[in-house]
C-alpha atoms as a PDB file:
ATOM      1  CA  MET A   1      80.838 121.199  54.129  1.00  0.00           C
ATOM      2  CA  TYR A   2      78.143 120.359  57.016  1.00  0.00           C
ATOM      3  CA  SER A   3      80.642 121.537  59.982  1.00  0.00           C
ATOM      4  CA  GLN A   4      80.785 125.113  59.112  1.00  0.00           C
ATOM      5  CA  VAL A   5      77.083 124.735  59.990  1.00  0.00           C
ATOM      6  CA  TYR A   6      78.130 124.891  63.567  1.00  0.00           C
ATOM      7  CA  SER A   7      81.033 127.550  63.882  1.00  0.00           C
ATOM      8  CA  PHE A   8      78.344 130.269  65.650  1.00  0.00           C
ATOM      9  CA  GLY A   9      81.228 131.247  67.392  1.00  0.00           C
ATOM     10  CA  GLU A  10      82.488 131.849  71.092  1.00  0.00           C
ATOM     11  CA  GLU A  11      80.080 130.317  73.569  1.00  0.00           C
ATOM     12  CA  SER A  12      79.266 132.103  77.156  1.00  0.00           C
ATOM     13  CA  MET A  13      77.346 131.445  80.180  1.00  0.00           C
ATOM     14  CA  ALA A  14      74.726 132.941  82.050  1.00  0.00           C
ATOM     15  CA  PRO A  15      73.627 132.772  85.620  1.00  0.00           C
ATOM     16  CA  ALA A  16      69.345 132.602  85.374  1.00  0.00           C
ATOM     17  CA  ASN A  17      66.992 131.433  87.454  1.00  0.00           C
ATOM     18  CA  GLY A  18      69.233 129.644  89.917  1.00  0.00           C
ATOM     19  CA  ILE A  19      71.258 127.766  87.090  1.00  0.00           C
ATOM     20  CA  GLU A  20      73.657 128.064  84.091  1.00  0.00           C
ATOM     21  CA  LEU A  21      72.373 128.762  80.142  1.00  0.00           C
ATOM     22  CA  CYS A  22      75.378 128.269  77.645  1.00  0.00           C
ATOM     23  CA  TYR A  23      74.639 131.158  74.845  1.00  0.00           C
ATOM     24  CA  GLN A  24      75.844 132.012  72.059  1.00  0.00           C
ATOM     25  CA  GLU A  25      74.663 135.157  69.842  1.00  0.00           C
ATOM     26  CA  MET A  26      75.032 137.076  66.352  1.00  0.00           C
ATOM     27  CA  GLY A  27      74.918 140.213  64.847  1.00  0.00           C
ATOM     28  CA  GLU A  28      75.127 143.767  66.338  1.00  0.00           C
ATOM     29  CA  PRO A  29      74.941 144.502  69.775  1.00  0.00           C
ATOM     30  CA  ASP A  30      72.450 147.365  69.441  1.00  0.00           C
ATOM     31  CA  GLY A  31      70.549 145.031  67.066  1.00  0.00           C
ATOM     32  CA  GLU A  32      66.991 144.001  67.744  1.00  0.00           C
ATOM     33  CA  PRO A  33      67.255 141.407  69.732  1.00  0.00           C
ATOM     34  CA  LEU A  34      65.325 138.021  69.133  1.00  0.00           C
ATOM     35  CA  VAL A  35      65.715 135.048  71.336  1.00  0.00           C
ATOM     36  CA  LEU A  36      65.806 131.077  69.522  1.00  0.00           C
ATOM     37  CA  VAL A  37      64.140 128.761  71.815  1.00  0.00           C
ATOM     38  CA  MET A  38      65.008 124.969  70.693  1.00  0.00           C
ATOM     39  CA  GLY A  39      62.722 121.597  71.347  1.00  0.00           C
ATOM     40  CA  LEU A  40      62.906 118.703  73.447  1.00  0.00           C
ATOM     41  CA  ALA A  41      66.355 116.948  73.548  1.00  0.00           C
ATOM     42  CA  THR A  42      67.813 119.465  71.225  1.00  0.00           C
ATOM     43  CA  GLN A  43      70.711 121.482  71.578  1.00  0.00           C
ATOM     44  CA  MET A  44      71.006 125.623  70.731  1.00  0.00           C
ATOM     45  CA  ILE A  45      73.249 124.314  67.483  1.00  0.00           C
ATOM     46  CA  ALA A  46      70.119 123.119  65.883  1.00  0.00           C
ATOM     47  CA  TRP A  47      69.784 126.797  64.859  1.00  0.00           C
ATOM     48  CA  TYR A  48      71.957 126.371  61.832  1.00  0.00           C
ATOM     49  CA  ASP A  49      74.567 129.236  61.765  1.00  0.00           C
ATOM     50  CA  GLY A  50      73.017 130.068  58.397  1.00  0.00           C
ATOM     51  CA  PHE A  51      69.429 130.830  59.639  1.00  0.00           C
ATOM     52  CA  CYS A  52      70.716 132.849  62.571  1.00  0.00           C
ATOM     53  CA  ARG A  53      73.138 134.898  59.680  1.00  0.00           C
ATOM     54  CA  LEU A  54      70.266 135.644  57.484  1.00  0.00           C
ATOM     55  CA  LEU A  55      68.356 137.247  60.625  1.00  0.00           C
ATOM     56  CA  ALA A  56      71.065 138.669  61.759  1.00  0.00           C
ATOM     57  CA  ASP A  57      71.778 140.508  58.188  1.00  0.00           C
ATOM     58  CA  ARG A  58      68.319 141.761  58.680  1.00  0.00           C
ATOM     59  CA  GLY A  59      68.940 143.537  61.840  1.00  0.00           C
ATOM     60  CA  PHE A  60      68.101 141.531  64.928  1.00  0.00           C
ATOM     61  CA  ARG A  61      70.639 140.268  67.611  1.00  0.00           C
ATOM     62  CA  VAL A  62      70.354 137.236  67.398  1.00  0.00           C
ATOM     63  CA  ILE A  63      70.447 134.799  70.612  1.00  0.00           C
ATOM     64  CA  ARG A  64      70.916 131.037  70.659  1.00  0.00           C
ATOM     65  CA  PHE A  65      71.457 129.165  73.951  1.00  0.00           C
ATOM     66  CA  ASP A  66      70.844 125.540  75.741  1.00  0.00           C
ATOM     67  CA  ASN A  67      67.499 124.705  77.914  1.00  0.00           C
ATOM     68  CA  ARG A  68      68.452 123.191  81.158  1.00  0.00           C
ATOM     69  CA  ASP A  69      69.384 119.520  81.059  1.00  0.00           C
ATOM     70  CA  ILE A  70      70.223 119.512  77.583  1.00  0.00           C
ATOM     71  CA  GLY A  71      73.765 120.704  76.135  1.00  0.00           C
ATOM     72  CA  ARG A  72      76.258 122.689  78.169  1.00  0.00           C
ATOM     73  CA  SER A  73      74.087 124.202  80.326  1.00  0.00           C
ATOM     74  CA  THR A  74      72.833 123.544  84.111  1.00  0.00           C
ATOM     75  CA  LYS A  75      72.021 118.785  84.333  1.00  0.00           C
ATOM     76  CA  ILE A  76      68.960 119.065  86.873  1.00  0.00           C
ATOM     77  CA  ASP A  77      70.352 115.696  87.890  1.00  0.00           C
ATOM     78  CA  SER A  78      69.836 115.823  91.813  1.00  0.00           C
ATOM     79  CA  ALA A  79      66.053 115.122  90.791  1.00  0.00           C
ATOM     80  CA  GLY A  80      66.944 111.655  88.793  1.00  0.00           C
ATOM     81  CA  VAL A  81      65.289 109.963  86.288  1.00  0.00           C
ATOM     82  CA  PRO A  82      61.325 110.151  85.840  1.00  0.00           C
ATOM     83  CA  SER A  83      59.624 107.071  86.038  1.00  0.00           C
ATOM     84  CA  ARG A  84      57.268 106.117  82.748  1.00  0.00           C
ATOM     85  CA  VAL A  85      54.317 106.222  84.587  1.00  0.00           C
ATOM     86  CA  ASP A  86      54.871 109.465  86.196  1.00  0.00           C
ATOM     87  CA  MET A  87      55.870 111.018  82.794  1.00  0.00           C
ATOM     88  CA  LEU A  88      52.122 109.510  81.501  1.00  0.00           C
ATOM     89  CA  LEU A  89      50.100 110.647  83.579  1.00  0.00           C
ATOM     90  CA  GLY A  90      51.955 113.754  83.718  1.00  0.00           C
ATOM     91  CA  ARG A  91      52.569 113.747  87.535  1.00  0.00           C
ATOM     92  CA  ARG A  92      52.933 117.388  88.441  1.00  0.00           C
ATOM     93  CA  ALA A  93      54.421 116.361  92.149  1.00  0.00           C
ATOM     94  CA  THR A  94      57.125 114.246  90.642  1.00  0.00           C
ATOM     95  CA  ALA A  95      58.399 116.554  88.483  1.00  0.00           C
ATOM     96  CA  PRO A  96      61.002 118.790  88.715  1.00  0.00           C
ATOM     97  CA  TYR A  97      60.314 121.890  86.946  1.00  0.00           C
ATOM     98  CA  LEU A  98      57.451 122.831  84.684  1.00  0.00           C
ATOM     99  CA  LEU A  99      57.726 124.834  81.036  1.00  0.00           C
ATOM    100  CA  ARG A 100      57.183 127.899  83.330  1.00  0.00           C
ATOM    101  CA  ASP A 101      60.130 127.371  84.955  1.00  0.00           C
ATOM    102  CA  MET A 102      61.994 127.212  81.793  1.00  0.00           C
ATOM    103  CA  ALA A 103      59.889 130.166  80.588  1.00  0.00           C
ATOM    104  CA  LYS A 104      61.720 131.653  83.842  1.00  0.00           C
ATOM    105  CA  ASP A 105      65.491 130.531  82.567  1.00  0.00           C
ATOM    106  CA  THR A 106      64.879 132.448  79.296  1.00  0.00           C
ATOM    107  CA  VAL A 107      63.840 135.602  81.049  1.00  0.00           C
ATOM    108  CA  GLY A 108      66.720 135.257  83.559  1.00  0.00           C
ATOM    109  CA  LEU A 109      68.831 135.209  80.177  1.00  0.00           C
ATOM    110  CA  LEU A 110      67.338 138.440  78.962  1.00  0.00           C
ATOM    111  CA  ASP A 111      67.700 139.803  82.612  1.00  0.00           C
ATOM    112  CA  PHE A 112      71.829 138.572  82.603  1.00  0.00           C
ATOM    113  CA  LEU A 113      72.163 140.464  79.262  1.00  0.00           C
ATOM    114  CA  GLU A 114      70.582 143.509  80.543  1.00  0.00           C
ATOM    115  CA  ILE A 115      67.495 142.969  77.656  1.00  0.00           C
ATOM    116  CA  ASP A 116      64.347 144.634  78.584  1.00  0.00           C
ATOM    117  CA  GLN A 117      62.134 142.985  75.875  1.00  0.00           C
ATOM    118  CA  ALA A 118      62.762 140.214  73.103  1.00  0.00           C
ATOM    119  CA  HIS A 119      61.713 139.054  70.091  1.00  0.00           C
ATOM    120  CA  VAL A 120      60.651 135.293  70.826  1.00  0.00           C
ATOM    121  CA  VAL A 121      60.912 132.304  68.703  1.00  0.00           C
ATOM    122  CA  GLY A 122      60.636 128.797  69.662  1.00  0.00           C
ATOM    123  CA  ALA A 123      60.621 125.201  68.250  1.00  0.00           C
ATOM    124  CA  SER A 124      57.870 122.262  69.336  1.00  0.00           C
ATOM    125  CA  MET A 125      59.281 122.646  73.121  1.00  0.00           C
ATOM    126  CA  GLY A 126      61.220 126.115  72.822  1.00  0.00           C
ATOM    127  CA  GLY A 127      57.164 126.914  71.444  1.00  0.00           C
ATOM    128  CA  MET A 128      55.734 125.341  74.813  1.00  0.00           C
ATOM    129  CA  ILE A 129      57.679 127.924  76.384  1.00  0.00           C
ATOM    130  CA  VAL A 130      57.964 130.946  74.915  1.00  0.00           C
ATOM    131  CA  GLN A 131      54.224 130.343  74.576  1.00  0.00           C
ATOM    132  CA  GLN A 132      54.355 130.450  78.659  1.00  0.00           C
ATOM    133  CA  MET A 133      56.840 133.196  78.703  1.00  0.00           C
ATOM    134  CA  ALA A 134      54.074 135.547  76.817  1.00  0.00           C
ATOM    135  CA  ILE A 135      51.387 133.913  79.891  1.00  0.00           C
ATOM    136  CA  ASP A 136      53.999 134.787  82.386  1.00  0.00           C
ATOM    137  CA  HIS A 137      56.253 137.906  81.631  1.00  0.00           C
ATOM    138  CA  PRO A 138      53.644 139.547  78.537  1.00  0.00           C
ATOM    139  CA  GLU A 139      56.276 142.893  79.284  1.00  0.00           C
ATOM    140  CA  ARG A 140      59.574 140.625  78.027  1.00  0.00           C
ATOM    141  CA  VAL A 141      58.109 139.618  75.084  1.00  0.00           C
ATOM    142  CA  ARG A 142      57.853 142.064  71.713  1.00  0.00           C
ATOM    143  CA  SER A 143      56.709 139.529  69.303  1.00  0.00           C
ATOM    144  CA  LEU A 144      56.005 135.392  70.024  1.00  0.00           C
ATOM    145  CA  VAL A 145      56.698 133.306  67.121  1.00  0.00           C
ATOM    146  CA  SER A 146      55.305 129.284  67.572  1.00  0.00           C
ATOM    147  CA  ILE A 147      56.887 126.979  65.626  1.00  0.00           C
ATOM    148  CA  MET A 148      55.132 122.787  65.463  1.00  0.00           C
ATOM    149  CA  SER A 149      54.077 123.068  68.869  1.00  0.00           C
ATOM    150  CA  THR A 150      50.972 122.872  70.689  1.00  0.00           C
ATOM    151  CA  THR A 151      48.748 124.262  73.475  1.00  0.00           C
ATOM    152  CA  GLY A 152      49.313 121.707  76.197  1.00  0.00           C
ATOM    153  CA  ASN A 153      45.527 120.686  75.415  1.00  0.00           C
ATOM    154  CA  ARG A 154      45.767 116.561  74.964  1.00  0.00           C
ATOM    155  CA  ARG A 155      43.535 116.457  72.360  1.00  0.00           C
ATOM    156  CA  ALA A 156      45.946 118.628  70.106  1.00  0.00           C
ATOM    157  CA  GLY A 157      48.789 118.310  68.840  1.00  0.00           C
ATOM    158  CA  GLN A 158      49.708 114.614  69.798  1.00  0.00           C
ATOM    159  CA  PRO A 159      52.532 112.547  68.279  1.00  0.00           C
ATOM    160  CA  SER A 160      51.632 109.665  65.735  1.00  0.00           C
ATOM    161  CA  LEU A 161      51.887 105.867  67.676  1.00  0.00           C
ATOM    162  CA  LYS A 162      55.319 105.345  65.766  1.00  0.00           C
ATOM    163  CA  ALA A 163      56.653 109.207  66.863  1.00  0.00           C
ATOM    164  CA  PHE A 164      55.423 108.211  70.520  1.00  0.00           C
ATOM    165  CA  GLY A 165      57.479 104.954  70.524  1.00  0.00           C
ATOM    166  CA  LEU A 166      60.760 107.115  69.540  1.00  0.00           C
ATOM    167  CA  LEU A 167      59.773 109.152  73.047  1.00  0.00           C
ATOM    168  CA  LEU A 168      59.000 106.235  75.491  1.00  0.00           C
ATOM    169  CA  GLY A 169      61.791 104.138  74.008  1.00  0.00           C
ATOM    170  CA  ASN A 170      64.816 103.510  75.830  1.00  0.00           C
ATOM    171  CA  PRO A 171      67.445 105.841  75.366  1.00  0.00           C
ATOM    172  CA  PRO A 172      70.509 105.934  73.564  1.00  0.00           C
ATOM    173  CA  LEU A 173      73.517 106.106  75.716  1.00  0.00           C
ATOM    174  CA  THR A 174      77.034 105.657  73.687  1.00  0.00           C
ATOM    175  CA  ARG A 175      77.752 107.835  71.030  1.00  0.00           C
ATOM    176  CA  ASP A 176      77.017 105.632  68.046  1.00  0.00           C
ATOM    177  CA  GLN A 177      73.998 104.763  69.524  1.00  0.00           C
ATOM    178  CA  VAL A 178      72.475 108.704  69.704  1.00  0.00           C
ATOM    179  CA  ILE A 179      73.971 108.804  66.375  1.00  0.00           C
ATOM    180  CA  SER A 180      72.085 105.660  65.497  1.00  0.00           C
ATOM    181  CA  ARG A 181      68.820 106.878  67.290  1.00  0.00           C
ATOM    182  CA  ALA A 182      68.476 110.611  65.516  1.00  0.00           C
ATOM    183  CA  VAL A 183      69.042 108.888  62.229  1.00  0.00           C
ATOM    184  CA  LYS A 184      65.747 106.883  62.958  1.00  0.00           C
ATOM    185  CA  THR A 185      63.956 109.599  64.779  1.00  0.00           C
ATOM    186  CA  PHE A 186      64.334 112.099  61.766  1.00  0.00           C
ATOM    187  CA  LYS A 187      63.224 109.429  59.156  1.00  0.00           C
ATOM    188  CA  VAL A 188      60.341 109.335  61.489  1.00  0.00           C
ATOM    189  CA  ILE A 189      59.351 113.147  62.604  1.00  0.00           C
ATOM    190  CA  GLY A 190      61.538 114.781  59.555  1.00  0.00           C
ATOM    191  CA  SER A 191      59.705 117.065  56.526  1.00  0.00           C
ATOM    192  CA  PRO A 192      58.132 113.946  53.942  1.00  0.00           C
ATOM    193  CA  GLY A 193      58.355 116.768  51.231  1.00  0.00           C
ATOM    194  CA  PHE A 194      62.753 117.045  51.120  1.00  0.00           C
ATOM    195  CA  PRO A 195      65.202 114.984  51.266  1.00  0.00           C
ATOM    196  CA  PHE A 196      66.196 113.312  53.983  1.00  0.00           C
ATOM    197  CA  GLU A 197      70.214 114.268  54.879  1.00  0.00           C
ATOM    198  CA  GLU A 198      71.548 111.933  56.965  1.00  0.00           C
ATOM    199  CA  ASP A 199      75.031 113.355  56.513  1.00  0.00           C
ATOM    200  CA  VAL A 200      73.321 116.194  58.575  1.00  0.00           C
ATOM    201  CA  VAL A 201      71.606 114.471  60.721  1.00  0.00           C
ATOM    202  CA  ARG A 202      74.993 111.895  61.646  1.00  0.00           C
ATOM    203  CA  GLU A 203      76.987 115.428  62.066  1.00  0.00           C
ATOM    204  CA  MET A 204      74.406 117.270  64.336  1.00  0.00           C
ATOM    205  CA  ALA A 205      73.959 114.231  66.567  1.00  0.00           C
ATOM    206  CA  ALA A 206      77.381 113.979  66.863  1.00  0.00           C
ATOM    207  CA  VAL A 207      78.152 117.319  67.277  1.00  0.00           C
ATOM    208  CA  SER A 208      75.374 117.206  70.029  1.00  0.00           C
ATOM    209  CA  TYR A 209      76.677 114.439  71.824  1.00  0.00           C
ATOM    210  CA  ASP A 210      80.203 115.445  72.405  1.00  0.00           C
ATOM    211  CA  ARG A 211      79.025 118.955  73.701  1.00  0.00           C
ATOM    212  CA  GLY A 212      76.777 117.345  76.602  1.00  0.00           C
ATOM    213  CA  HIS A 213      74.325 114.039  76.481  1.00  0.00           C
ATOM    214  CA  SER A 214      72.203 113.569  78.971  1.00  0.00           C
ATOM    215  CA  ALA A 215      69.567 111.191  78.940  1.00  0.00           C
ATOM    216  CA  ALA A 216      68.307 111.973  82.002  1.00  0.00           C
ATOM    217  CA  GLY A 217      67.798 115.597  80.821  1.00  0.00           C
ATOM    218  CA  VAL A 218      65.465 114.361  77.963  1.00  0.00           C
ATOM    219  CA  ALA A 219      63.452 112.396  80.361  1.00  0.00           C
ATOM    220  CA  ARG A 220      62.885 115.344  82.791  1.00  0.00           C
ATOM    221  CA  GLN A 221      61.793 118.203  79.954  1.00  0.00           C
ATOM    222  CA  LEU A 222      59.613 115.239  78.398  1.00  0.00           C
ATOM    223  CA  HIS A 223      57.842 115.227  82.345  1.00  0.00           C
ATOM    224  CA  ALA A 224      58.265 119.072  82.338  1.00  0.00           C
ATOM    225  CA  ILE A 225      55.842 119.274  79.156  1.00  0.00           C
ATOM    226  CA  ILE A 226      53.313 116.756  80.157  1.00  0.00           C
ATOM    227  CA  ALA A 227      53.240 117.833  83.729  1.00  0.00           C
ATOM    228  CA  SER A 228      52.839 121.551  83.028  1.00  0.00           C
ATOM    229  CA  GLY A 229      49.042 121.487  81.348  1.00  0.00           C
ATOM    230  CA  ASP A 230      46.599 123.486  79.170  1.00  0.00           C
ATOM    231  CA  ARG A 231      46.958 127.076  78.169  1.00  0.00           C
ATOM    232  CA  THR A 232      44.451 127.201  76.126  1.00  0.00           C
ATOM    233  CA  GLU A 233      42.544 129.842  78.223  1.00  0.00           C
ATOM    234  CA  ALA A 234      45.561 131.815  79.291  1.00  0.00           C
ATOM    235  CA  LEU A 235      46.514 131.820  75.663  1.00  0.00           C
ATOM    236  CA  HIS A 236      43.502 133.745  74.600  1.00  0.00           C
ATOM    237  CA  ARG A 237      45.052 136.583  77.122  1.00  0.00           C
ATOM    238  CA  VAL A 238      48.118 136.575  75.036  1.00  0.00           C
ATOM    239  CA  GLN A 239      48.267 140.227  73.499  1.00  0.00           C
ATOM    240  CA  VAL A 240      51.709 140.507  72.109  1.00  0.00           C
ATOM    241  CA  PRO A 241      51.910 140.093  67.891  1.00  0.00           C
ATOM    242  CA  THR A 242      51.912 136.531  67.312  1.00  0.00           C
ATOM    243  CA  ALA A 243      52.739 133.952  64.388  1.00  0.00           C
ATOM    244  CA  VAL A 244      51.892 130.153  64.420  1.00  0.00           C
ATOM    245  CA  ILE A 245      53.842 128.117  61.890  1.00  0.00           C
ATOM    246  CA  HIS A 246      52.791 124.343  61.528  1.00  0.00           C
ATOM    247  CA  GLY A 247      53.798 121.532  58.866  1.00  0.00           C
ATOM    248  CA  THR A 248      50.976 119.926  57.469  1.00  0.00           C
ATOM    249  CA  ARG A 249      52.212 116.828  57.783  1.00  0.00           C
ATOM    250  CA  ASP A 250      53.977 116.700  61.487  1.00  0.00           C
ATOM    251  CA  PRO A 251      53.666 113.398  62.825  1.00  0.00           C
ATOM    252  CA  LEU A 252      55.760 114.627  65.907  1.00  0.00           C
ATOM    253  CA  VAL A 253      53.444 117.174  66.876  1.00  0.00           C
ATOM    254  CA  LYS A 254      50.662 116.788  64.778  1.00  0.00           C
ATOM    255  CA  PRO A 255      48.685 120.281  62.949  1.00  0.00           C
ATOM    256  CA  SER A 256      45.841 120.317  65.079  1.00  0.00           C
ATOM    257  CA  GLY A 257      48.534 121.459  67.867  1.00  0.00           C
ATOM    258  CA  GLY A 258      49.385 124.294  65.484  1.00  0.00           C
ATOM    259  CA  ARG A 259      45.349 125.477  64.843  1.00  0.00           C
ATOM    260  CA  ALA A 260      44.622 125.407  68.271  1.00  0.00           C
ATOM    261  CA  THR A 261      47.619 127.478  69.274  1.00  0.00           C
ATOM    262  CA  ALA A 262      46.374 129.986  66.455  1.00  0.00           C
ATOM    263  CA  LYS A 263      42.996 129.624  67.224  1.00  0.00           C
END
């Protein structure tokens, strides 16, 4: 039953900000453009088809894509793998890119699709990307939704020790290891208020591995998050209509991140 979750349609490639992004669309071409931006180590297929269809049925032109260094989008392999010390300290000088570059990627996708302005929705790292997009490119953002994300302030939204350990653990390499790590991860960060659907997690991990796995890319994305710093002051100047959504028991990005974003 879950295999249909990933039958979104034809994948296309778009030149954007000097790289290529793999993307898909759903809905009428003249619908309200709505861009979905996914989080750390997670491909666009995590925006399930059923969810996207609900949005398309409400008149939106839904666009989802793989961020750089994930899935079928460009991998920045020439940058190598950041050290744990560089990531923990957030050394900007050694980061091959920052969240502002990933925000430019999203803008570049809009340029390619000839979309002047869009609703942008981001989850976790995706929330950080769309926040940065609203800061740097407010004219391109019709509305903003930041889901289970944070401001970059190190006093807000920090993961639990158990979740943090998963982020910095040795990366899985084989298909079976990737699937096992996904199950372990979602048992830690998944919602405690709903049943754990292991079959869904396993299939998502398997499909993601087959589409394009890059352990180094995940490390570079994490480095970008930490090295990008605090957006609090800049977020005070954001004027676009915004909604902030956050689970009250989130162990990966604690609810203080959502409260700080809303504030």
